[in-house]
Amino acid sequence: MNAEIIDRRGNLRLVLDPERVFPGLIVQGDTLVSLLEDLEEENPEGFATQTVREWIGLYEEMMKDAGSDLPYVR
């Protein structure tokens, strides 16, 4: 079961996971970190900031488990 890339625009990918009904949006890790930096300047304790922090934490865990380097310095 492989995921299907439906569309590509810039650094984004619309991908259908065969285990899901609707496609998801893939955002590059370095783009996500840039978003977090902007969010932290505007609202460090806001819901969006906390959510993106959590996503980055999960991303970093998964990258480590896969033996992959991060595309940014932490």
PDB file of N, CA and C in Angstrom:
ATOM      1  N   MET A   1       0.841  -1.189   0.000  1.00  0.00           N
ATOM      2  CA  MET A   1       0.000   0.000   0.000  1.00  0.00           C
ATOM      3  C   MET A   1       0.877   1.240   0.000  1.00  0.00           C
ATOM      4  N   ASN A   2       0.956   1.912  -1.107  1.00  0.00           N
ATOM      5  CA  ASN A   2       1.729   3.143  -1.208  1.00  0.00           C
ATOM      6  C   ASN A   2       0.807   4.342  -1.248  1.00  0.00           C
ATOM      7  N   ALA A   3       1.310   5.450  -0.694  1.00  0.00           N
ATOM      8  CA  ALA A   3       0.575   6.704  -0.770  1.00  0.00           C
ATOM      9  C   ALA A   3       0.651   7.236  -2.200  1.00  0.00           C
ATOM     10  N   GLU A   4      -0.380   7.956  -2.596  1.00  0.00           N
ATOM     11  CA  GLU A   4      -0.440   8.509  -3.949  1.00  0.00           C
ATOM     12  C   GLU A   4      -0.333  10.033  -3.882  1.00  0.00           C
ATOM     13  N   ILE A   5       0.640  10.588  -4.591  1.00  0.00           N
ATOM     14  CA  ILE A   5       0.748  12.041  -4.676  1.00  0.00           C
ATOM     15  C   ILE A   5      -0.279  12.506  -5.702  1.00  0.00           C
ATOM     16  N   ILE A   6      -1.218  13.312  -5.252  1.00  0.00           N
ATOM     17  CA  ILE A   6      -2.297  13.797  -6.116  1.00  0.00           C
ATOM     18  C   ILE A   6      -1.884  15.084  -6.822  1.00  0.00           C
ATOM     19  N   ASP A   7      -1.188  15.957  -6.101  1.00  0.00           N
ATOM     20  CA  ASP A   7      -0.795  17.239  -6.686  1.00  0.00           C
ATOM     21  C   ASP A   7       0.435  17.768  -5.960  1.00  0.00           C
ATOM     22  N   ARG A   8       1.180  18.617  -6.661  1.00  0.00           N
ATOM     23  CA  ARG A   8       2.374  19.265  -6.108  1.00  0.00           C
ATOM     24  C   ARG A   8       2.290  20.748  -6.420  1.00  0.00           C
ATOM     25  N   ARG A   9       2.520  21.557  -5.398  1.00  0.00           N
ATOM     26  CA  ARG A   9       2.557  23.020  -5.591  1.00  0.00           C
ATOM     27  C   ARG A   9       3.603  23.575  -4.648  1.00  0.00           C
ATOM     28  N   GLY A  10       4.680  24.078  -5.206  1.00  0.00           N
ATOM     29  CA  GLY A  10       5.762  24.608  -4.375  1.00  0.00           C
ATOM     30  C   GLY A  10       6.326  23.514  -3.485  1.00  0.00           C
ATOM     31  N   ASN A  11       6.438  23.793  -2.195  1.00  0.00           N
ATOM     32  CA  ASN A  11       6.961  22.820  -1.236  1.00  0.00           C
ATOM     33  C   ASN A  11       5.872  21.920  -0.649  1.00  0.00           C
ATOM     34  N   LEU A  12       4.669  22.002  -1.187  1.00  0.00           N
ATOM     35  CA  LEU A  12       3.548  21.241  -0.643  1.00  0.00           C
ATOM     36  C   LEU A  12       3.190  20.070  -1.550  1.00  0.00           C
ATOM     37  N   ARG A  13       2.682  19.014  -0.928  1.00  0.00           N
ATOM     38  CA  ARG A  13       2.196  17.848  -1.662  1.00  0.00           C
ATOM     39  C   ARG A  13       0.836  17.449  -1.094  1.00  0.00           C
ATOM     40  N   LEU A  14      -0.106  17.163  -1.967  1.00  0.00           N
ATOM     41  CA  LEU A  14      -1.391  16.612  -1.575  1.00  0.00           C
ATOM     42  C   LEU A  14      -1.289  15.109  -1.789  1.00  0.00           C
ATOM     43  N   VAL A  15      -1.434  14.346  -0.706  1.00  0.00           N
ATOM     44  CA  VAL A  15      -1.147  12.908  -0.752  1.00  0.00           C
ATOM     45  C   VAL A  15      -2.315  12.122  -0.180  1.00  0.00           C
ATOM     46  N   LEU A  16      -2.682  11.056  -0.882  1.00  0.00           N
ATOM     47  CA  LEU A  16      -3.729  10.158  -0.393  1.00  0.00           C
ATOM     48  C   LEU A  16      -3.086   8.914   0.198  1.00  0.00           C
ATOM     49  N   ASP A  17      -3.284   8.744   1.485  1.00  0.00           N
ATOM     50  CA  ASP A  17      -2.856   7.533   2.190  1.00  0.00           C
ATOM     51  C   ASP A  17      -3.952   6.497   1.960  1.00  0.00           C
ATOM     52  N   PRO A  18      -3.613   5.292   1.508  1.00  0.00           N
ATOM     53  CA  PRO A  18      -4.647   4.306   1.206  1.00  0.00           C
ATOM     54  C   PRO A  18      -5.494   3.903   2.417  1.00  0.00           C
ATOM     55  N   GLU A  19      -5.026   4.221   3.614  1.00  0.00           N
ATOM     56  CA  GLU A  19      -5.792   3.897   4.818  1.00  0.00           C
ATOM     57  C   GLU A  19      -6.746   5.019   5.232  1.00  0.00           C
ATOM     58  N   ARG A  20      -6.744   6.111   4.472  1.00  0.00           N
ATOM     59  CA  ARG A  20      -7.596   7.258   4.799  1.00  0.00           C
ATOM     60  C   ARG A  20      -8.566   7.534   3.651  1.00  0.00           C
ATOM     61  N   VAL A  21      -9.648   8.218   3.960  1.00  0.00           N
ATOM     62  CA  VAL A  21     -10.638   8.569   2.944  1.00  0.00           C
ATOM     63  C   VAL A  21     -10.220   9.838   2.202  1.00  0.00           C
ATOM     64  N   PHE A  22      -9.718  10.814   2.933  1.00  0.00           N
ATOM     65  CA  PHE A  22      -9.362  12.100   2.340  1.00  0.00           C
ATOM     66  C   PHE A  22      -7.844  12.274   2.317  1.00  0.00           C
ATOM     67  N   PRO A  23      -7.348  13.007   1.320  1.00  0.00           N
ATOM     68  CA  PRO A  23      -5.903  13.237   1.239  1.00  0.00           C
ATOM     69  C   PRO A  23      -5.417  14.196   2.324  1.00  0.00           C
ATOM     70  N   GLY A  24      -4.126  14.122   2.586  1.00  0.00           N
ATOM     71  CA  GLY A  24      -3.483  15.015   3.539  1.00  0.00           C
ATOM     72  C   GLY A  24      -2.492  15.919   2.821  1.00  0.00           C
ATOM     73  N   LEU A  25      -2.078  16.955   3.515  1.00  0.00           N
ATOM     74  CA  LEU A  25      -1.136  17.920   2.973  1.00  0.00           C
ATOM     75  C   LEU A  25       0.224  17.698   3.621  1.00  0.00           C
ATOM     76  N   ILE A  26       1.247  17.486   2.808  1.00  0.00           N
ATOM     77  CA  ILE A  26       2.606  17.327   3.317  1.00  0.00           C
ATOM     78  C   ILE A  26       3.298  18.684   3.254  1.00  0.00           C
ATOM     79  N   VAL A  27       3.855  19.089   4.387  1.00  0.00           N
ATOM     80  CA  VAL A  27       4.610  20.332   4.487  1.00  0.00           C
ATOM     81  C   VAL A  27       6.045  19.954   4.826  1.00  0.00           C
ATOM     82  N   GLN A  28       7.012  20.500   4.125  1.00  0.00           N
ATOM     83  CA  GLN A  28       8.416  20.205   4.380  1.00  0.00           C
ATOM     84  C   GLN A  28       8.794  20.640   5.802  1.00  0.00           C
ATOM     85  N   GLY A  29       9.685  19.884   6.434  1.00  0.00           N
ATOM     86  CA  GLY A  29      10.086  20.161   7.805  1.00  0.00           C
ATOM     87  C   GLY A  29      10.680  21.540   8.007  1.00  0.00           C
ATOM     88  N   ASP A  30      11.516  21.980   7.080  1.00  0.00           N
ATOM     89  CA  ASP A  30      12.122  23.308   7.227  1.00  0.00           C
ATOM     90  C   ASP A  30      11.074  24.411   7.073  1.00  0.00           C
ATOM     91  N   THR A  31      10.054  24.178   6.263  1.00  0.00           N
ATOM     92  CA  THR A  31       8.953  25.130   6.125  1.00  0.00           C
ATOM     93  C   THR A  31       8.156  25.197   7.420  1.00  0.00           C
ATOM     94  N   LEU A  32       7.947  24.050   8.049  1.00  0.00           N
ATOM     95  CA  LEU A  32       7.217  23.992   9.314  1.00  0.00           C
ATOM     96  C   LEU A  32       7.968  24.748  10.411  1.00  0.00           C
ATOM     97  N   VAL A  33       9.282  24.605  10.451  1.00  0.00           N
ATOM     98  CA  VAL A  33      10.085  25.316  11.450  1.00  0.00           C
ATOM     99  C   VAL A  33      10.010  26.826  11.214  1.00  0.00           C
ATOM    100  N   SER A  34      10.036  27.255   9.968  1.00  0.00           N
ATOM    101  CA  SER A  34       9.899  28.684   9.657  1.00  0.00           C
ATOM    102  C   SER A  34       8.542  29.210  10.119  1.00  0.00           C
ATOM    103  N   LEU A  35       7.497  28.426   9.907  1.00  0.00           N
ATOM    104  CA  LEU A  35       6.164  28.804  10.368  1.00  0.00           C
ATOM    105  C   LEU A  35       6.154  28.954  11.878  1.00  0.00           C
ATOM    106  N   LEU A  36       6.763  28.016  12.592  1.00  0.00           N
ATOM    107  CA  LEU A  36       6.807  28.085  14.048  1.00  0.00           C
ATOM    108  C   LEU A  36       7.528  29.345  14.520  1.00  0.00           C
ATOM    109  N   GLU A  37       8.624  29.685  13.890  1.00  0.00           N
ATOM    110  CA  GLU A  37       9.358  30.894  14.273  1.00  0.00           C
ATOM    111  C   GLU A  37       8.468  32.127  14.157  1.00  0.00           C
ATOM    112  N   ASP A  38       7.701  32.214  13.075  1.00  0.00           N
ATOM    113  CA  ASP A  38       6.779  33.344  12.904  1.00  0.00           C
ATOM    114  C   ASP A  38       5.674  33.323  13.958  1.00  0.00           C
ATOM    115  N   LEU A  39       5.119  32.156  14.211  1.00  0.00           N
ATOM    116  CA  LEU A  39       4.056  32.042  15.207  1.00  0.00           C
ATOM    117  C   LEU A  39       4.549  32.416  16.604  1.00  0.00           C
ATOM    118  N   GLU A  40       5.766  32.006  16.939  1.00  0.00           N
ATOM    119  CA  GLU A  40       6.306  32.305  18.265  1.00  0.00           C
ATOM    120  C   GLU A  40       6.501  33.807  18.472  1.00  0.00           C
ATOM    121  N   GLU A  41       6.784  34.534  17.407  1.00  0.00           N
ATOM    122  CA  GLU A  41       6.917  35.992  17.509  1.00  0.00           C
ATOM    123  C   GLU A  41       5.558  36.645  17.773  1.00  0.00           C
ATOM    124  N   GLU A  42       4.519  36.126  17.138  1.00  0.00           N
ATOM    125  CA  GLU A  42       3.192  36.727  17.235  1.00  0.00           C
ATOM    126  C   GLU A  42       2.429  36.322  18.492  1.00  0.00           C
ATOM    127  N   ASN A  43       2.453  35.028  18.797  1.00  0.00           N
ATOM    128  CA  ASN A  43       1.643  34.512  19.905  1.00  0.00           C
ATOM    129  C   ASN A  43       2.280  33.237  20.456  1.00  0.00           C
ATOM    130  N   PRO A  44       3.309  33.378  21.313  1.00  0.00           N
ATOM    131  CA  PRO A  44       4.082  32.222  21.766  1.00  0.00           C
ATOM    132  C   PRO A  44       3.274  31.119  22.464  1.00  0.00           C
ATOM    133  N   GLU A  45       2.162  31.465  23.069  1.00  0.00           N
ATOM    134  CA  GLU A  45       1.371  30.460  23.785  1.00  0.00           C
ATOM    135  C   GLU A  45       0.051  30.138  23.100  1.00  0.00           C
ATOM    136  N   GLY A  46      -0.125  30.622  21.881  1.00  0.00           N
ATOM    137  CA  GLY A  46      -1.368  30.387  21.157  1.00  0.00           C
ATOM    138  C   GLY A  46      -1.550  28.935  20.743  1.00  0.00           C
ATOM    139  N   PHE A  47      -2.768  28.597  20.425  1.00  0.00           N
ATOM    140  CA  PHE A  47      -3.101  27.225  20.030  1.00  0.00           C
ATOM    141  C   PHE A  47      -2.314  26.785  18.802  1.00  0.00           C
ATOM    142  N   ALA A  48      -2.250  27.654  17.791  1.00  0.00           N
ATOM    143  CA  ALA A  48      -1.533  27.299  16.560  1.00  0.00           C
ATOM    144  C   ALA A  48      -0.056  27.067  16.850  1.00  0.00           C
ATOM    145  N   THR A  49       0.537  27.917  17.673  1.00  0.00           N
ATOM    146  CA  THR A  49       1.954  27.774  18.021  1.00  0.00           C
ATOM    147  C   THR A  49       2.196  26.450  18.735  1.00  0.00           C
ATOM    148  N   GLN A  50       1.352  26.145  19.700  1.00  0.00           N
ATOM    149  CA  GLN A  50       1.505  24.890  20.445  1.00  0.00           C
ATOM    150  C   GLN A  50       1.313  23.677  19.532  1.00  0.00           C
ATOM    151  N   THR A  51       0.368  23.767  18.622  1.00  0.00           N
ATOM    152  CA  THR A  51       0.116  22.659  17.690  1.00  0.00           C
ATOM    153  C   THR A  51       1.317  22.426  16.780  1.00  0.00           C
ATOM    154  N   VAL A  52       1.858  23.500  16.224  1.00  0.00           N
ATOM    155  CA  VAL A  52       3.016  23.353  15.331  1.00  0.00           C
ATOM    156  C   VAL A  52       4.228  22.844  16.112  1.00  0.00           C
ATOM    157  N   ARG A  53       4.402  23.286  17.359  1.00  0.00           N
ATOM    158  CA  ARG A  53       5.488  22.738  18.201  1.00  0.00           C
ATOM    159  C   ARG A  53       5.342  21.224  18.346  1.00  0.00           C
ATOM    160  N   GLU A  54       4.116  20.782  18.596  1.00  0.00           N
ATOM    161  CA  GLU A  54       3.856  19.340  18.743  1.00  0.00           C
ATOM    162  C   GLU A  54       4.163  18.600  17.439  1.00  0.00           C
ATOM    163  N   TRP A  55       3.729  19.148  16.307  1.00  0.00           N
ATOM    164  CA  TRP A  55       3.996  18.519  15.016  1.00  0.00           C
ATOM    165  C   TRP A  55       5.498  18.419  14.761  1.00  0.00           C
ATOM    166  N   ILE A  56       6.235  19.473  15.090  1.00  0.00           N
ATOM    167  CA  ILE A  56       7.688  19.450  14.881  1.00  0.00           C
ATOM    168  C   ILE A  56       8.330  18.404  15.776  1.00  0.00           C
ATOM    169  N   GLY A  57       7.852  18.285  16.999  1.00  0.00           N
ATOM    170  CA  GLY A  57       8.367  17.249  17.898  1.00  0.00           C
ATOM    171  C   GLY A  57       8.157  15.858  17.314  1.00  0.00           C
ATOM    172  N   LEU A  58       6.970  15.612  16.798  1.00  0.00           N
ATOM    173  CA  LEU A  58       6.680  14.311  16.177  1.00  0.00           C
ATOM    174  C   LEU A  58       7.517  14.102  14.925  1.00  0.00           C
ATOM    175  N   TYR A  59       7.649  15.149  14.117  1.00  0.00           N
ATOM    176  CA  TYR A  59       8.474  15.086  12.910  1.00  0.00           C
ATOM    177  C   TYR A  59       9.905  14.703  13.278  1.00  0.00           C
ATOM    178  N   GLU A  60      10.455  15.372  14.291  1.00  0.00           N
ATOM    179  CA  GLU A  60      11.835  15.091  14.705  1.00  0.00           C
ATOM    180  C   GLU A  60      11.990  13.672  15.239  1.00  0.00           C
ATOM    181  N   GLU A  61      11.006  13.186  15.977  1.00  0.00           N
ATOM    182  CA  GLU A  61      11.032  11.794  16.452  1.00  0.00           C
ATOM    183  C   GLU A  61      11.046  10.819  15.282  1.00  0.00           C
ATOM    184  N   MET A  62      10.159  11.050  14.314  1.00  0.00           N
ATOM    185  CA  MET A  62      10.059  10.156  13.167  1.00  0.00           C
ATOM    186  C   MET A  62      11.325  10.189  12.319  1.00  0.00           C
ATOM    187  N   MET A  63      11.901  11.375  12.155  1.00  0.00           N
ATOM    188  CA  MET A  63      13.154  11.489  11.404  1.00  0.00           C
ATOM    189  C   MET A  63      14.269  10.723  12.116  1.00  0.00           C
ATOM    190  N   LYS A  64      14.334  10.860  13.434  1.00  0.00           N
ATOM    191  CA  LYS A  64      15.352  10.141  14.209  1.00  0.00           C
ATOM    192  C   LYS A  64      15.158   8.634  14.072  1.00  0.00           C
ATOM    193  N   ASP A  65      13.909   8.179  14.222  1.00  0.00           N
ATOM    194  CA  ASP A  65      13.606   6.745  14.110  1.00  0.00           C
ATOM    195  C   ASP A  65      13.956   6.206  12.719  1.00  0.00           C
ATOM    196  N   ALA A  66      13.827   7.054  11.705  1.00  0.00           N
ATOM    197  CA  ALA A  66      14.141   6.648  10.327  1.00  0.00           C
ATOM    198  C   ALA A  66      15.633   6.771  10.018  1.00  0.00           C
ATOM    199  N   GLY A  67      16.402   7.324  10.977  1.00  0.00           N
ATOM    200  CA  GLY A  67      17.833   7.498  10.758  1.00  0.00           C
ATOM    201  C   GLY A  67      18.149   8.628   9.788  1.00  0.00           C
ATOM    202  N   SER A  68      17.244   9.605   9.699  1.00  0.00           N
ATOM    203  CA  SER A  68      17.421  10.718   8.763  1.00  0.00           C
ATOM    204  C   SER A  68      17.839  11.988   9.492  1.00  0.00           C
ATOM    205  N   ASP A  69      18.646  12.795   8.822  1.00  0.00           N
ATOM    206  CA  ASP A  69      19.046  14.088   9.358  1.00  0.00           C
ATOM    207  C   ASP A  69      17.914  15.085   9.196  1.00  0.00           C
ATOM    208  N   LEU A  70      17.875  16.060  10.088  1.00  0.00           N
ATOM    209  CA  LEU A  70      16.900  17.135   9.972  1.00  0.00           C
ATOM    210  C   LEU A  70      17.358  18.139   8.921  1.00  0.00           C
ATOM    211  N   PRO A  71      16.431  18.759   8.211  1.00  0.00           N
ATOM    212  CA  PRO A  71      16.807  19.740   7.196  1.00  0.00           C
ATOM    213  C   PRO A  71      17.059  21.135   7.785  1.00  0.00           C
ATOM    214  N   TYR A  72      17.231  21.191   9.096  1.00  0.00           N
ATOM    215  CA  TYR A  72      17.476  22.448   9.804  1.00  0.00           C
ATOM    216  C   TYR A  72      18.275  22.140  11.065  1.00  0.00           C
ATOM    217  N   VAL A  73      18.815  23.183  11.675  1.00  0.00           N
ATOM    218  CA  VAL A  73      19.584  23.028  12.916  1.00  0.00           C
ATOM    219  C   VAL A  73      18.688  23.396  14.087  1.00  0.00           C
ATOM    220  N   ARG A  74      18.671  22.552  15.096  1.00  0.00           N
ATOM    221  CA  ARG A  74      17.859  22.822  16.291  1.00  0.00           C
ATOM    222  C   ARG A  74      18.762  23.119  17.446  1.00  0.00           C
TER     223      ARG A  74
END
